[in-house]
N, C-alpha and C. Protein backbone atom coordinates (compact mmCIF):
# COMPACT_ATOMS: atom_id res chain seq x y z
N VAL A 1 19.81 -49.80 13.39
CA VAL A 1 20.41 -50.46 12.24
C VAL A 1 19.48 -51.54 11.71
N ALA A 2 18.86 -52.30 12.61
CA ALA A 2 17.97 -53.37 12.16
C ALA A 2 16.80 -52.82 11.38
N SER A 3 16.32 -51.64 11.76
CA SER A 3 15.18 -51.07 11.04
C SER A 3 15.56 -50.59 9.64
N ARG A 4 16.85 -50.48 9.37
CA ARG A 4 17.30 -50.11 8.02
C ARG A 4 17.57 -51.32 7.15
N PHE A 5 18.05 -52.42 7.75
CA PHE A 5 18.51 -53.55 6.95
C PHE A 5 17.59 -54.76 6.99
N ASN A 6 16.68 -54.83 7.94
CA ASN A 6 15.72 -55.93 8.00
C ASN A 6 14.42 -55.43 7.37
N PRO A 7 13.99 -56.05 6.25
CA PRO A 7 12.82 -55.53 5.54
C PRO A 7 11.54 -55.50 6.39
N ARG A 8 11.32 -56.50 7.22
CA ARG A 8 10.10 -56.52 8.03
C ARG A 8 10.12 -55.44 9.10
N LEU A 9 11.26 -55.26 9.75
CA LEU A 9 11.36 -54.19 10.75
C LEU A 9 11.28 -52.82 10.09
N LYS A 10 11.82 -52.70 8.89
CA LYS A 10 11.72 -51.43 8.16
C LYS A 10 10.27 -51.11 7.84
N ARG A 11 9.51 -52.10 7.40
CA ARG A 11 8.09 -51.87 7.12
C ARG A 11 7.34 -51.48 8.39
N PHE A 12 7.67 -52.14 9.51
CA PHE A 12 7.05 -51.83 10.79
C PHE A 12 7.38 -50.39 11.19
N TYR A 13 8.65 -50.01 11.07
CA TYR A 13 9.09 -48.65 11.39
C TYR A 13 8.38 -47.63 10.50
N ASP A 14 8.35 -47.90 9.20
CA ASP A 14 7.71 -46.97 8.26
C ASP A 14 6.22 -46.83 8.53
N SER A 15 5.57 -47.93 8.91
CA SER A 15 4.13 -47.84 9.20
C SER A 15 3.87 -47.01 10.46
N LEU A 16 4.75 -47.15 11.45
CA LEU A 16 4.61 -46.33 12.65
C LEU A 16 4.82 -44.85 12.33
N ARG A 17 5.82 -44.56 11.50
CA ARG A 17 6.09 -43.17 11.12
C ARG A 17 4.92 -42.61 10.32
N ALA A 18 4.34 -43.43 9.44
CA ALA A 18 3.21 -42.97 8.63
C ALA A 18 1.98 -42.70 9.48
N SER A 19 1.87 -43.41 10.61
CA SER A 19 0.71 -43.20 11.48
C SER A 19 0.90 -42.02 12.43
N GLY A 20 2.04 -41.33 12.30
CA GLY A 20 2.24 -40.11 13.07
C GLY A 20 3.16 -40.23 14.27
N LYS A 21 3.75 -41.39 14.49
CA LYS A 21 4.68 -41.55 15.61
C LYS A 21 5.98 -40.82 15.30
N THR A 22 6.63 -40.32 16.33
CA THR A 22 7.93 -39.67 16.13
C THR A 22 8.98 -40.73 15.83
N GLY A 23 10.11 -40.29 15.33
CA GLY A 23 11.18 -41.22 14.98
C GLY A 23 11.67 -42.02 16.17
N LYS A 24 11.82 -41.34 17.31
CA LYS A 24 12.32 -42.01 18.51
C LYS A 24 11.33 -43.06 19.01
N VAL A 25 10.04 -42.74 19.00
CA VAL A 25 9.01 -43.69 19.45
C VAL A 25 8.99 -44.91 18.52
N ALA A 26 9.06 -44.67 17.22
CA ALA A 26 9.05 -45.78 16.26
C ALA A 26 10.30 -46.64 16.43
N LEU A 27 11.43 -46.02 16.68
CA LEU A 27 12.67 -46.77 16.86
C LEU A 27 12.63 -47.63 18.12
N VAL A 28 12.10 -47.08 19.21
CA VAL A 28 11.99 -47.84 20.45
C VAL A 28 11.02 -49.01 20.27
N ALA A 29 9.96 -48.81 19.51
CA ALA A 29 9.02 -49.90 19.23
C ALA A 29 9.71 -51.02 18.45
N CYS A 30 10.57 -50.66 17.50
CA CYS A 30 11.33 -51.66 16.75
C CYS A 30 12.31 -52.39 17.66
N MET A 31 12.96 -51.65 18.55
CA MET A 31 13.89 -52.28 19.48
C MET A 31 13.16 -53.27 20.38
N ARG A 32 11.99 -52.89 20.85
CA ARG A 32 11.21 -53.78 21.72
C ARG A 32 10.79 -55.04 20.96
N LYS A 33 10.34 -54.86 19.71
CA LYS A 33 9.93 -56.00 18.89
C LYS A 33 11.11 -56.94 18.68
N LEU A 34 12.28 -56.40 18.39
CA LEU A 34 13.47 -57.21 18.18
C LEU A 34 13.88 -57.92 19.46
N LEU A 35 13.78 -57.24 20.59
CA LEU A 35 14.12 -57.85 21.88
C LEU A 35 13.20 -59.02 22.20
N ILE A 36 11.92 -58.88 21.92
CA ILE A 36 10.97 -59.96 22.16
C ILE A 36 11.30 -61.17 21.28
N ILE A 37 11.64 -60.92 20.02
CA ILE A 37 12.01 -62.01 19.11
C ILE A 37 13.27 -62.71 19.61
N LEU A 38 14.27 -61.93 20.00
CA LEU A 38 15.53 -62.52 20.48
C LEU A 38 15.32 -63.31 21.76
N ASN A 39 14.49 -62.82 22.65
CA ASN A 39 14.20 -63.53 23.89
C ASN A 39 13.54 -64.88 23.58
N ALA A 40 12.61 -64.88 22.64
CA ALA A 40 11.95 -66.13 22.25
C ALA A 40 12.94 -67.11 21.64
N LEU A 41 13.89 -66.60 20.85
CA LEU A 41 14.90 -67.47 20.25
C LEU A 41 15.80 -68.10 21.31
N VAL A 42 16.19 -67.32 22.30
CA VAL A 42 17.04 -67.83 23.37
C VAL A 42 16.30 -68.90 24.17
N ARG A 43 15.04 -68.63 24.49
CA ARG A 43 14.26 -69.60 25.28
C ARG A 43 14.05 -70.91 24.52
N SER A 44 13.85 -70.82 23.20
CA SER A 44 13.58 -72.03 22.43
C SER A 44 14.85 -72.70 21.92
N GLY A 45 15.99 -72.02 22.02
CA GLY A 45 17.25 -72.59 21.57
C GLY A 45 17.43 -72.55 20.07
N GLN A 46 16.65 -71.75 19.38
CA GLN A 46 16.76 -71.65 17.93
C GLN A 46 17.82 -70.62 17.55
N ARG A 47 18.22 -70.67 16.29
CA ARG A 47 19.17 -69.70 15.76
C ARG A 47 18.41 -68.61 15.02
N TRP A 48 19.08 -67.46 14.82
CA TRP A 48 18.47 -66.31 14.17
C TRP A 48 18.11 -66.66 12.73
N ASN A 49 16.93 -66.25 12.32
CA ASN A 49 16.47 -66.39 10.95
C ASN A 49 15.83 -65.07 10.58
N ALA A 50 16.32 -64.42 9.53
CA ALA A 50 15.80 -63.10 9.17
C ALA A 50 14.32 -63.14 8.82
N GLU A 51 13.81 -64.28 8.42
CA GLU A 51 12.40 -64.40 8.09
C GLU A 51 11.52 -64.28 9.32
N VAL A 52 12.05 -64.60 10.50
CA VAL A 52 11.27 -64.54 11.74
C VAL A 52 10.93 -63.10 12.08
N ALA A 53 11.92 -62.22 11.93
CA ALA A 53 11.71 -60.82 12.30
C ALA A 53 10.82 -60.18 11.29
């Protein structure tokens, strides 16, 4: 869902697909990227900002 509604994650997903990655691989890469961002937010105590992703 995030890769459809977050413009930066959508661009990341589309670039992976354009480079020949399968849909599942590109989706897992987006999930990992989002998880890393969320982990950093929790550690720093910040709130979600769509510009960060």
